[in-house]
Amino acid sequence: MLNPISISDKALDEIKNIMAHKNIPSEYTLRVGVKGGGCGGVSYMLGFDKPKSDDQVFEWEGLKILIEKKHVMFLMGMHIDFFESSEARGFTFVNSDMPKRHDA
């Protein structure tokens, strides 16, 4: 099955760092999902969890990724990146299927 998401090297390094240094149990793996969906659209979430019966399991560069079957369609084409600046740091979700904006 085609991977619905992609993960940048920087984000992958940060995820592995969190798993190694934040006491994430070894039977847990990365979970990617969505919340909401009303007028405000959806919010994307990252976390660590055990597999559940309604999950689809994907792999990216050796990392297992859990996505609930009902969330897969909302995550198609999503690229997860990690940014770090003097003001903030965190994961970002960018829809790589969206047309690029060209300013005139």
PDB file of N, CA and C in Angstrom:
ATOM      1  N   MET A   1       0.838  -1.186   0.000  1.00  0.00           N
ATOM      2  CA  MET A   1       0.000   0.000   0.000  1.00  0.00           C
ATOM      3  C   MET A   1       0.882   1.248   0.000  1.00  0.00           C
ATOM      4  N   LEU A   2       0.481   2.237  -0.770  1.00  0.00           N
ATOM      5  CA  LEU A   2       1.211   3.488  -0.895  1.00  0.00           C
ATOM      6  C   LEU A   2       1.161   4.254   0.427  1.00  0.00           C
ATOM      7  N   ASN A   3       2.300   4.827   0.814  1.00  0.00           N
ATOM      8  CA  ASN A   3       2.376   5.610   2.037  1.00  0.00           C
ATOM      9  C   ASN A   3       1.597   6.909   1.854  1.00  0.00           C
ATOM     10  N   PRO A   4       0.637   7.211   2.715  1.00  0.00           N
ATOM     11  CA  PRO A   4      -0.122   8.449   2.555  1.00  0.00           C
ATOM     12  C   PRO A   4       0.673   9.689   2.951  1.00  0.00           C
ATOM     13  N   ILE A   5       1.700   9.511   3.796  1.00  0.00           N
ATOM     14  CA  ILE A   5       2.476  10.655   4.283  1.00  0.00           C
ATOM     15  C   ILE A   5       3.954  10.471   3.974  1.00  0.00           C
ATOM     16  N   SER A   6       4.689  11.567   4.033  1.00  0.00           N
ATOM     17  CA  SER A   6       6.145  11.523   3.970  1.00  0.00           C
ATOM     18  C   SER A   6       6.678  12.300   5.167  1.00  0.00           C
ATOM     19  N   ILE A   7       7.900  12.006   5.566  1.00  0.00           N
ATOM     20  CA  ILE A   7       8.506  12.634   6.738  1.00  0.00           C
ATOM     21  C   ILE A   7       9.896  13.116   6.357  1.00  0.00           C
ATOM     22  N   SER A   8      10.197  14.371   6.651  1.00  0.00           N
ATOM     23  CA  SER A   8      11.529  14.909   6.347  1.00  0.00           C
ATOM     24  C   SER A   8      12.567  14.244   7.245  1.00  0.00           C
ATOM     25  N   ASP A   9      13.813  14.294   6.820  1.00  0.00           N
ATOM     26  CA  ASP A   9      14.902  13.733   7.629  1.00  0.00           C
ATOM     27  C   ASP A   9      14.976  14.409   8.993  1.00  0.00           C
ATOM     28  N   LYS A  10      14.788  15.722   9.018  1.00  0.00           N
ATOM     29  CA  LYS A  10      14.857  16.466  10.278  1.00  0.00           C
ATOM     30  C   LYS A  10      13.740  16.031  11.238  1.00  0.00           C
ATOM     31  N   ALA A  11      12.524  15.858  10.706  1.00  0.00           N
ATOM     32  CA  ALA A  11      11.404  15.409  11.540  1.00  0.00           C
ATOM     33  C   ALA A  11      11.627  13.979  12.015  1.00  0.00           C
ATOM     34  N   LEU A  12      12.134  13.128  11.128  1.00  0.00           N
ATOM     35  CA  LEU A  12      12.402  11.739  11.499  1.00  0.00           C
ATOM     36  C   LEU A  12      13.436  11.668  12.613  1.00  0.00           C
ATOM     37  N   ASP A  13      14.495  12.470  12.514  1.00  0.00           N
ATOM     38  CA  ASP A  13      15.512  12.511  13.568  1.00  0.00           C
ATOM     39  C   ASP A  13      14.907  12.950  14.898  1.00  0.00           C
ATOM     40  N   GLU A  14      14.027  13.950  14.866  1.00  0.00           N
ATOM     41  CA  GLU A  14      13.399  14.446  16.093  1.00  0.00           C
ATOM     42  C   GLU A  14      12.464  13.396  16.702  1.00  0.00           C
ATOM     43  N   ILE A  15      11.703  12.698  15.861  1.00  0.00           N
ATOM     44  CA  ILE A  15      10.805  11.641  16.346  1.00  0.00           C
ATOM     45  C   ILE A  15      11.622  10.536  17.019  1.00  0.00           C
ATOM     46  N   LYS A  16      12.702  10.115  16.372  1.00  0.00           N
ATOM     47  CA  LYS A  16      13.554   9.066  16.951  1.00  0.00           C
ATOM     48  C   LYS A  16      14.205   9.536  18.243  1.00  0.00           C
ATOM     49  N   ASN A  17      14.586  10.808  18.307  1.00  0.00           N
ATOM     50  CA  ASN A  17      15.176  11.380  19.511  1.00  0.00           C
ATOM     51  C   ASN A  17      14.166  11.369  20.661  1.00  0.00           C
ATOM     52  N   ILE A  18      12.926  11.752  20.373  1.00  0.00           N
ATOM     53  CA  ILE A  18      11.876  11.730  21.395  1.00  0.00           C
ATOM     54  C   ILE A  18      11.648  10.309  21.891  1.00  0.00           C
ATOM     55  N   MET A  19      11.575   9.360  20.962  1.00  0.00           N
ATOM     56  CA  MET A  19      11.347   7.963  21.352  1.00  0.00           C
ATOM     57  C   MET A  19      12.479   7.429  22.226  1.00  0.00           C
ATOM     58  N   ALA A  20      13.701   7.856  21.947  1.00  0.00           N
ATOM     59  CA  ALA A  20      14.856   7.357  22.689  1.00  0.00           C
ATOM     60  C   ALA A  20      15.026   8.026  24.058  1.00  0.00           C
ATOM     61  N   HIS A  21      14.603   9.290  24.183  1.00  0.00           N
ATOM     62  CA  HIS A  21      14.929  10.040  25.394  1.00  0.00           C
ATOM     63  C   HIS A  21      13.737  10.489  26.240  1.00  0.00           C
ATOM     64  N   LYS A  22      12.528  10.183  25.856  1.00  0.00           N
ATOM     65  CA  LYS A  22      11.350  10.646  26.606  1.00  0.00           C
ATOM     66  C   LYS A  22      10.537   9.498  27.200  1.00  0.00           C
ATOM     67  N   ASN A  23      11.187   8.385  27.466  1.00  0.00           N
ATOM     68  CA  ASN A  23      10.539   7.240  28.120  1.00  0.00           C
ATOM     69  C   ASN A  23       9.306   6.723  27.388  1.00  0.00           C
ATOM     70  N   ILE A  24       9.360   6.702  26.064  1.00  0.00           N
ATOM     71  CA  ILE A  24       8.277   6.123  25.274  1.00  0.00           C
ATOM     72  C   ILE A  24       8.442   4.602  25.352  1.00  0.00           C
ATOM     73  N   PRO A  25       7.425   3.865  25.804  1.00  0.00           N
ATOM     74  CA  PRO A  25       7.551   2.404  25.911  1.00  0.00           C
ATOM     75  C   PRO A  25       7.905   1.770  24.557  1.00  0.00           C
ATOM     76  N   SER A  26       8.679   0.715  24.577  1.00  0.00           N
ATOM     77  CA  SER A  26       9.172   0.089  23.344  1.00  0.00           C
ATOM     78  C   SER A  26       8.052  -0.474  22.468  1.00  0.00           C
ATOM     79  N   GLU A  27       6.896  -0.814  23.056  1.00  0.00           N
ATOM     80  CA  GLU A  27       5.798  -1.359  22.248  1.00  0.00           C
ATOM     81  C   GLU A  27       4.967  -0.250  21.589  1.00  0.00           C
ATOM     82  N   TYR A  28       5.299   1.008  21.858  1.00  0.00           N
ATOM     83  CA  TYR A  28       4.606   2.134  21.237  1.00  0.00           C
ATOM     84  C   TYR A  28       5.331   2.551  19.958  1.00  0.00           C
ATOM     85  N   THR A  29       4.580   3.112  19.048  1.00  0.00           N
ATOM     86  CA  THR A  29       5.159   3.638  17.823  1.00  0.00           C
ATOM     87  C   THR A  29       4.446   4.939  17.464  1.00  0.00           C
ATOM     88  N   LEU A  30       4.877   5.584  16.402  1.00  0.00           N
ATOM     89  CA  LEU A  30       4.315   6.876  16.016  1.00  0.00           C
ATOM     90  C   LEU A  30       2.879   6.723  15.521  1.00  0.00           C
ATOM     91  N   ARG A  31       2.003   7.581  16.012  1.00  0.00           N
ATOM     92  CA  ARG A  31       0.619   7.643  15.526  1.00  0.00           C
ATOM     93  C   ARG A  31       0.427   9.019  14.909  1.00  0.00           C
ATOM     94  N   VAL A  32      -0.123   9.033  13.690  1.00  0.00           N
ATOM     95  CA  VAL A  32      -0.459  10.270  12.997  1.00  0.00           C
ATOM     96  C   VAL A  32      -1.966  10.261  12.793  1.00  0.00           C
ATOM     97  N   GLY A  33      -2.605  11.380  13.087  1.00  0.00           N
ATOM     98  CA  GLY A  33      -4.055  11.421  12.951  1.00  0.00           C
ATOM     99  C   GLY A  33      -4.572  12.828  12.745  1.00  0.00           C
ATOM    100  N   VAL A  34      -5.892  12.930  12.735  1.00  0.00           N
ATOM    101  CA  VAL A  34      -6.556  14.221  12.577  1.00  0.00           C
ATOM    102  C   VAL A  34      -7.627  14.371  13.647  1.00  0.00           C
ATOM    103  N   LYS A  35      -7.950  15.629  13.957  1.00  0.00           N
ATOM    104  CA  LYS A  35      -9.035  15.971  14.870  1.00  0.00           C
ATOM    105  C   LYS A  35      -9.905  16.986  14.167  1.00  0.00           C
ATOM    106  N   GLY A  36     -11.147  17.044  14.545  1.00  0.00           N
ATOM    107  CA  GLY A  36     -12.036  18.070  14.004  1.00  0.00           C
ATOM    108  C   GLY A  36     -12.574  17.694  12.648  1.00  0.00           C
ATOM    109  N   GLY A  37     -12.759  18.698  11.809  1.00  0.00           N
ATOM    110  CA  GLY A  37     -13.278  18.467  10.477  1.00  0.00           C
ATOM    111  C   GLY A  37     -14.494  19.313  10.168  1.00  0.00           C
ATOM    112  N   GLY A  38     -14.929  20.131  11.128  1.00  0.00           N
ATOM    113  CA  GLY A  38     -16.082  20.999  10.893  1.00  0.00           C
ATOM    114  C   GLY A  38     -15.675  22.216  10.084  1.00  0.00           C
ATOM    115  N   CYS A  39     -16.278  23.340  10.391  1.00  0.00           N
ATOM    116  CA  CYS A  39     -16.010  24.581   9.663  1.00  0.00           C
ATOM    117  C   CYS A  39     -14.553  25.015   9.771  1.00  0.00           C
ATOM    118  N   GLY A  40     -13.927  24.685  10.877  1.00  0.00           N
ATOM    119  CA  GLY A  40     -12.534  25.077  11.086  1.00  0.00           C
ATOM    120  C   GLY A  40     -11.540  24.158  10.416  1.00  0.00           C
ATOM    121  N   GLY A  41     -12.003  23.147   9.729  1.00  0.00           N
ATOM    122  CA  GLY A  41     -11.090  22.208   9.085  1.00  0.00           C
ATOM    123  C   GLY A  41     -10.570  21.185  10.068  1.00  0.00           C
ATOM    124  N   VAL A  42      -9.481  20.551   9.715  1.00  0.00           N
ATOM    125  CA  VAL A  42      -8.917  19.519  10.573  1.00  0.00           C
ATOM    126  C   VAL A  42      -7.623  20.001  11.198  1.00  0.00           C
ATOM    127  N   SER A  43      -7.315  19.454  12.356  1.00  0.00           N
ATOM    128  CA  SER A  43      -6.025  19.658  13.009  1.00  0.00           C
ATOM    129  C   SER A  43      -5.284  18.337  12.936  1.00  0.00           C
ATOM    130  N   TYR A  44      -4.010  18.405  12.733  1.00  0.00           N
ATOM    131  CA  TYR A  44      -3.196  17.201  12.618  1.00  0.00           C
ATOM    132  C   TYR A  44      -2.537  16.914  13.950  1.00  0.00           C
ATOM    133  N   MET A  45      -2.378  15.620  14.262  1.00  0.00           N
ATOM    134  CA  MET A  45      -1.780  15.243  15.526  1.00  0.00           C
ATOM    135  C   MET A  45      -0.701  14.181  15.332  1.00  0.00           C
ATOM    136  N   LEU A  46       0.283  14.268  16.197  1.00  0.00           N
ATOM    137  CA  LEU A  46       1.348  13.267  16.296  1.00  0.00           C
ATOM    138  C   LEU A  46       1.368  12.790  17.740  1.00  0.00           C
ATOM    139  N   GLY A  47       1.609  11.509  17.908  1.00  0.00           N
ATOM    140  CA  GLY A  47       1.722  10.971  19.251  1.00  0.00           C
ATOM    141  C   GLY A  47       2.314   9.586  19.185  1.00  0.00           C
ATOM    142  N   PHE A  48       2.347   8.923  20.310  1.00  0.00           N
ATOM    143  CA  PHE A  48       2.875   7.565  20.383  1.00  0.00           C
ATOM    144  C   PHE A  48       1.818   6.679  21.001  1.00  0.00           C
ATOM    145  N   ASP A  49       1.634   5.493  20.430  1.00  0.00           N
ATOM    146  CA  ASP A  49       0.530   4.643  20.845  1.00  0.00           C
ATOM    147  C   ASP A  49       0.832   3.200  20.453  1.00  0.00           C
ATOM    148  N   LYS A  50       0.025   2.295  21.009  1.00  0.00           N
ATOM    149  CA  LYS A  50       0.060   0.888  20.603  1.00  0.00           C
ATOM    150  C   LYS A  50      -0.893   0.705  19.422  1.00  0.00           C
ATOM    151  N   PRO A  51      -0.611  -0.270  18.550  1.00  0.00           N
ATOM    152  CA  PRO A  51      -1.526  -0.534  17.431  1.00  0.00           C
ATOM    153  C   PRO A  51      -2.906  -0.948  17.924  1.00  0.00           C
ATOM    154  N   LYS A  52      -3.931  -0.519  17.176  1.00  0.00           N
ATOM    155  CA  LYS A  52      -5.322  -0.877  17.458  1.00  0.00           C
ATOM    156  C   LYS A  52      -5.899  -1.583  16.243  1.00  0.00           C
ATOM    157  N   SER A  53      -7.024  -2.237  16.423  1.00  0.00           N
ATOM    158  CA  SER A  53      -7.593  -3.066  15.350  1.00  0.00           C
ATOM    159  C   SER A  53      -8.004  -2.264  14.119  1.00  0.00           C
ATOM    160  N   ASP A  54      -8.342  -0.982  14.278  1.00  0.00           N
ATOM    161  CA  ASP A  54      -8.766  -0.199  13.119  1.00  0.00           C
ATOM    162  C   ASP A  54      -7.637   0.656  12.528  1.00  0.00           C
ATOM    163  N   ASP A  55      -6.397   0.292  12.818  1.00  0.00           N
ATOM    164  CA  ASP A  55      -5.235   1.017  12.283  1.00  0.00           C
ATOM    165  C   ASP A  55      -4.754   0.415  10.979  1.00  0.00           C
ATOM    166  N   GLN A  56      -4.193   1.276  10.155  1.00  0.00           N
ATOM    167  CA  GLN A  56      -3.370   0.823   9.041  1.00  0.00           C
ATOM    168  C   GLN A  56      -1.945   1.126   9.463  1.00  0.00           C
ATOM    169  N   VAL A  57      -1.031   0.234   9.133  1.00  0.00           N
ATOM    170  CA  VAL A  57       0.363   0.395   9.533  1.00  0.00           C
ATOM    171  C   VAL A  57       1.191   0.662   8.289  1.00  0.00           C
ATOM    172  N   PHE A  58       1.975   1.734   8.349  1.00  0.00           N
ATOM    173  CA  PHE A  58       2.879   2.107   7.275  1.00  0.00           C
ATOM    174  C   PHE A  58       4.284   2.174   7.841  1.00  0.00           C
ATOM    175  N   GLU A  59       5.257   2.288   6.982  1.00  0.00           N
ATOM    176  CA  GLU A  59       6.634   2.403   7.442  1.00  0.00           C
ATOM    177  C   GLU A  59       7.336   3.484   6.643  1.00  0.00           C
ATOM    178  N   TRP A  60       8.155   4.268   7.356  1.00  0.00           N
ATOM    179  CA  TRP A  60       8.950   5.307   6.708  1.00  0.00           C
ATOM    180  C   TRP A  60      10.361   5.221   7.268  1.00  0.00           C
ATOM    181  N   GLU A  61      11.316   4.866   6.400  1.00  0.00           N
ATOM    182  CA  GLU A  61      12.729   4.778   6.804  1.00  0.00           C
ATOM    183  C   GLU A  61      12.902   3.939   8.076  1.00  0.00           C
ATOM    184  N   GLY A  62      12.186   2.829   8.162  1.00  0.00           N
ATOM    185  CA  GLY A  62      12.313   1.928   9.304  1.00  0.00           C
ATOM    186  C   GLY A  62      11.437   2.265  10.496  1.00  0.00           C
ATOM    187  N   LEU A  63      10.714   3.383  10.439  1.00  0.00           N
ATOM    188  CA  LEU A  63       9.817   3.783  11.529  1.00  0.00           C
ATOM    189  C   LEU A  63       8.405   3.331  11.211  1.00  0.00           C
ATOM    190  N   LYS A  64       7.804   2.576  12.136  1.00  0.00           N
ATOM    191  CA  LYS A  64       6.416   2.167  11.961  1.00  0.00           C
ATOM    192  C   LYS A  64       5.504   3.345  12.268  1.00  0.00           C
ATOM    193  N   ILE A  65       4.471   3.510  11.434  1.00  0.00           N
ATOM    194  CA  ILE A  65       3.520   4.609  11.593  1.00  0.00           C
ATOM    195  C   ILE A  65       2.114   4.030  11.645  1.00  0.00           C
ATOM    196  N   LEU A  66       1.359   4.416  12.656  1.00  0.00           N
ATOM    197  CA  LEU A  66      -0.028   3.989  12.804  1.00  0.00           C
ATOM    198  C   LEU A  66      -0.961   5.116  12.367  1.00  0.00           C
ATOM    199  N   ILE A  67      -1.944   4.776  11.540  1.00  0.00           N
ATOM    200  CA  ILE A  67      -2.964   5.740  11.140  1.00  0.00           C
ATOM    201  C   ILE A  67      -4.306   5.009  11.166  1.00  0.00           C
ATOM    202  N   GLU A  68      -5.286   5.589  11.874  1.00  0.00           N
ATOM    203  CA  GLU A  68      -6.623   4.993  11.851  1.00  0.00           C
ATOM    204  C   GLU A  68      -7.125   4.994  10.411  1.00  0.00           C
ATOM    205  N   LYS A  69      -7.787   3.896  10.028  1.00  0.00           N
ATOM    206  CA  LYS A  69      -8.277   3.774   8.646  1.00  0.00           C
ATOM    207  C   LYS A  69      -9.097   4.982   8.222  1.00  0.00           C
ATOM    208  N   LYS A  70      -9.945   5.505   9.109  1.00  0.00           N
ATOM    209  CA  LYS A  70     -10.809   6.631   8.748  1.00  0.00           C
ATOM    210  C   LYS A  70     -10.037   7.944   8.594  1.00  0.00           C
ATOM    211  N   HIS A  71      -8.773   8.001   9.046  1.00  0.00           N
ATOM    212  CA  HIS A  71      -7.962   9.216   8.930  1.00  0.00           C
ATOM    213  C   HIS A  71      -7.085   9.228   7.689  1.00  0.00           C
ATOM    214  N   VAL A  72      -6.880   8.074   7.067  1.00  0.00           N
ATOM    215  CA  VAL A  72      -5.934   7.975   5.951  1.00  0.00           C
ATOM    216  C   VAL A  72      -6.269   8.967   4.840  1.00  0.00           C
ATOM    217  N   MET A  73      -7.547   9.092   4.473  1.00  0.00           N
ATOM    218  CA  MET A  73      -7.910   9.975   3.361  1.00  0.00           C
ATOM    219  C   MET A  73      -7.602  11.444   3.663  1.00  0.00           C
ATOM    220  N   PHE A  74      -7.626  11.845   4.940  1.00  0.00           N
ATOM    221  CA  PHE A  74      -7.313  13.228   5.306  1.00  0.00           C
ATOM    222  C   PHE A  74      -5.808  13.492   5.310  1.00  0.00           C
ATOM    223  N   LEU A  75      -5.021  12.434   5.331  1.00  0.00           N
ATOM    224  CA  LEU A  75      -3.565  12.573   5.419  1.00  0.00           C
ATOM    225  C   LEU A  75      -2.849  12.335   4.090  1.00  0.00           C
ATOM    226  N   MET A  76      -3.584  11.950   3.063  1.00  0.00           N
ATOM    227  CA  MET A  76      -2.965  11.680   1.756  1.00  0.00           C
ATOM    228  C   MET A  76      -2.180  12.892   1.260  1.00  0.00           C
ATOM    229  N   GLY A  77      -0.923  12.660   0.912  1.00  0.00           N
ATOM    230  CA  GLY A  77      -0.081  13.727   0.378  1.00  0.00           C
ATOM    231  C   GLY A  77       0.523  14.638   1.426  1.00  0.00           C
ATOM    232  N   MET A  78       0.321  14.330   2.714  1.00  0.00           N
ATOM    233  CA  MET A  78       0.825  15.184   3.785  1.00  0.00           C
ATOM    234  C   MET A  78       2.318  14.924   4.003  1.00  0.00           C
ATOM    235  N   HIS A  79       3.067  16.007   4.193  1.00  0.00           N
ATOM    236  CA  HIS A  79       4.503  15.918   4.476  1.00  0.00           C
ATOM    237  C   HIS A  79       4.732  16.492   5.867  1.00  0.00           C
ATOM    238  N   ILE A  80       5.378  15.721   6.727  1.00  0.00           N
ATOM    239  CA  ILE A  80       5.664  16.155   8.098  1.00  0.00           C
ATOM    240  C   ILE A  80       7.101  16.644   8.148  1.00  0.00           C
ATOM    241  N   ASP A  81       7.272  17.855   8.654  1.00  0.00           N
ATOM    242  CA  ASP A  81       8.601  18.448   8.772  1.00  0.00           C
ATOM    243  C   ASP A  81       8.784  18.916  10.210  1.00  0.00           C
ATOM    244  N   PHE A  82       9.987  19.343  10.536  1.00  0.00           N
ATOM    245  CA  PHE A  82      10.284  19.859  11.871  1.00  0.00           C
ATOM    246  C   PHE A  82      11.044  21.157  11.693  1.00  0.00           C
ATOM    247  N   PHE A  83      10.626  22.201  12.417  1.00  0.00           N
ATOM    248  CA  PHE A  83      11.332  23.469  12.326  1.00  0.00           C
ATOM    249  C   PHE A  83      11.825  23.880  13.702  1.00  0.00           C
ATOM    250  N   GLU A  84      12.867  24.687  13.693  1.00  0.00           N
ATOM    251  CA  GLU A  84      13.459  25.158  14.932  1.00  0.00           C
ATOM    252  C   GLU A  84      13.955  26.576  14.698  1.00  0.00           C
ATOM    253  N   SER A  85      13.501  27.501  15.536  1.00  0.00           N
ATOM    254  CA  SER A  85      13.989  28.875  15.458  1.00  0.00           C
ATOM    255  C   SER A  85      14.208  29.369  16.882  1.00  0.00           C
ATOM    256  N   SER A  86      14.647  30.607  17.013  1.00  0.00           N
ATOM    257  CA  SER A  86      14.872  31.140  18.359  1.00  0.00           C
ATOM    258  C   SER A  86      13.561  31.356  19.104  1.00  0.00           C
ATOM    259  N   GLU A  87      12.430  31.510  18.364  1.00  0.00           N
ATOM    260  CA  GLU A  87      11.138  31.743  18.996  1.00  0.00           C
ATOM    261  C   GLU A  87      10.332  30.469  19.252  1.00  0.00           C
ATOM    262  N   ALA A  88      10.499  29.476  18.404  1.00  0.00           N
ATOM    263  CA  ALA A  88       9.647  28.287  18.514  1.00  0.00           C
ATOM    264  C   ALA A  88      10.302  27.095  17.846  1.00  0.00           C
ATOM    265  N   ARG A  89       9.765  25.928  18.168  1.00  0.00           N
ATOM    266  CA  ARG A  89      10.190  24.695  17.499  1.00  0.00           C
ATOM    267  C   ARG A  89       9.007  23.748  17.491  1.00  0.00           C
ATOM    268  N   GLY A  90       8.910  22.922  16.455  1.00  0.00           N
ATOM    269  CA  GLY A  90       7.808  21.981  16.419  1.00  0.00           C
ATOM    270  C   GLY A  90       7.649  21.333  15.060  1.00  0.00           C
ATOM    271  N   PHE A  91       6.677  20.449  15.000  1.00  0.00           N
ATOM    272  CA  PHE A  91       6.382  19.729  13.772  1.00  0.00           C
ATOM    273  C   PHE A  91       5.390  20.528  12.937  1.00  0.00           C
ATOM    274  N   THR A  92       5.543  20.458  11.631  1.00  0.00           N
ATOM    275  CA  THR A  92       4.605  21.101  10.720  1.00  0.00           C
ATOM    276  C   THR A  92       4.069  20.060   9.749  1.00  0.00           C
ATOM    277  N   PHE A  93       2.844  20.276   9.316  1.00  0.00           N
ATOM    278  CA  PHE A  93       2.193  19.422   8.323  1.00  0.00           C
ATOM    279  C   PHE A  93       1.978  20.266   7.076  1.00  0.00           C
ATOM    280  N   VAL A  94       2.520  19.814   5.953  1.00  0.00           N
ATOM    281  CA  VAL A  94       2.394  20.539   4.695  1.00  0.00           C
ATOM    282  C   VAL A  94       1.783  19.591   3.679  1.00  0.00           C
ATOM    283  N   ASN A  95       0.693  20.015   3.043  1.00  0.00           N
ATOM    284  CA  ASN A  95       0.059  19.175   2.032  1.00  0.00           C
ATOM    285  C   ASN A  95       0.835  19.319   0.735  1.00  0.00           C
ATOM    286  N   SER A  96       1.632  18.312   0.415  1.00  0.00           N
ATOM    287  CA  SER A  96       2.475  18.367  -0.778  1.00  0.00           C
ATOM    288  C   SER A  96       1.671  18.208  -2.058  1.00  0.00           C
ATOM    289  N   ASP A  97       0.384  17.830  -1.957  1.00  0.00           N
ATOM    290  CA  ASP A  97      -0.470  17.712  -3.141  1.00  0.00           C
ATOM    291  C   ASP A  97      -1.118  19.036  -3.522  1.00  0.00           C
ATOM    292  N   MET A  98      -1.033  20.023  -2.630  1.00  0.00           N
ATOM    293  CA  MET A  98      -1.662  21.313  -2.914  1.00  0.00           C
ATOM    294  C   MET A  98      -0.885  22.024  -4.016  1.00  0.00           C
ATOM    295  N   PRO A  99      -1.573  22.710  -4.906  1.00  0.00           N
ATOM    296  CA  PRO A  99      -0.867  23.453  -5.947  1.00  0.00           C
ATOM    297  C   PRO A  99      -0.006  24.550  -5.329  1.00  0.00           C
ATOM    298  N   LYS A 100       1.145  24.784  -5.890  1.00  0.00           N
ATOM    299  CA  LYS A 100       2.054  25.806  -5.396  1.00  0.00           C
ATOM    300  C   LYS A 100       1.520  27.179  -5.792  1.00  0.00           C
ATOM    301  N   ARG A 101       1.669  28.142  -4.875  1.00  0.00           N
ATOM    302  CA  ARG A 101       1.210  29.499  -5.145  1.00  0.00           C
ATOM    303  C   ARG A 101       2.314  30.240  -5.887  1.00  0.00           C
ATOM    304  N   HIS A 102       1.960  30.914  -6.920  1.00  0.00           N
ATOM    305  CA  HIS A 102       2.917  31.722  -7.691  1.00  0.00           C
ATOM    306  C   HIS A 102       2.505  33.178  -7.572  1.00  0.00           C
ATOM    307  N   ASP A 103       3.343  33.962  -6.924  1.00  0.00           N
ATOM    308  CA  ASP A 103       3.043  35.389  -6.794  1.00  0.00           C
ATOM    309  C   ASP A 103       3.411  36.104  -8.081  1.00  0.00           C
ATOM    310  N   ALA A 104       2.573  37.067  -8.481  1.00  0.00           N
ATOM    311  CA  ALA A 104       2.818  37.807  -9.718  1.00  0.00           C
ATOM    312  C   ALA A 104       3.769  38.953  -9.457  1.00  0.00           C
TER     313      ALA A 104
END
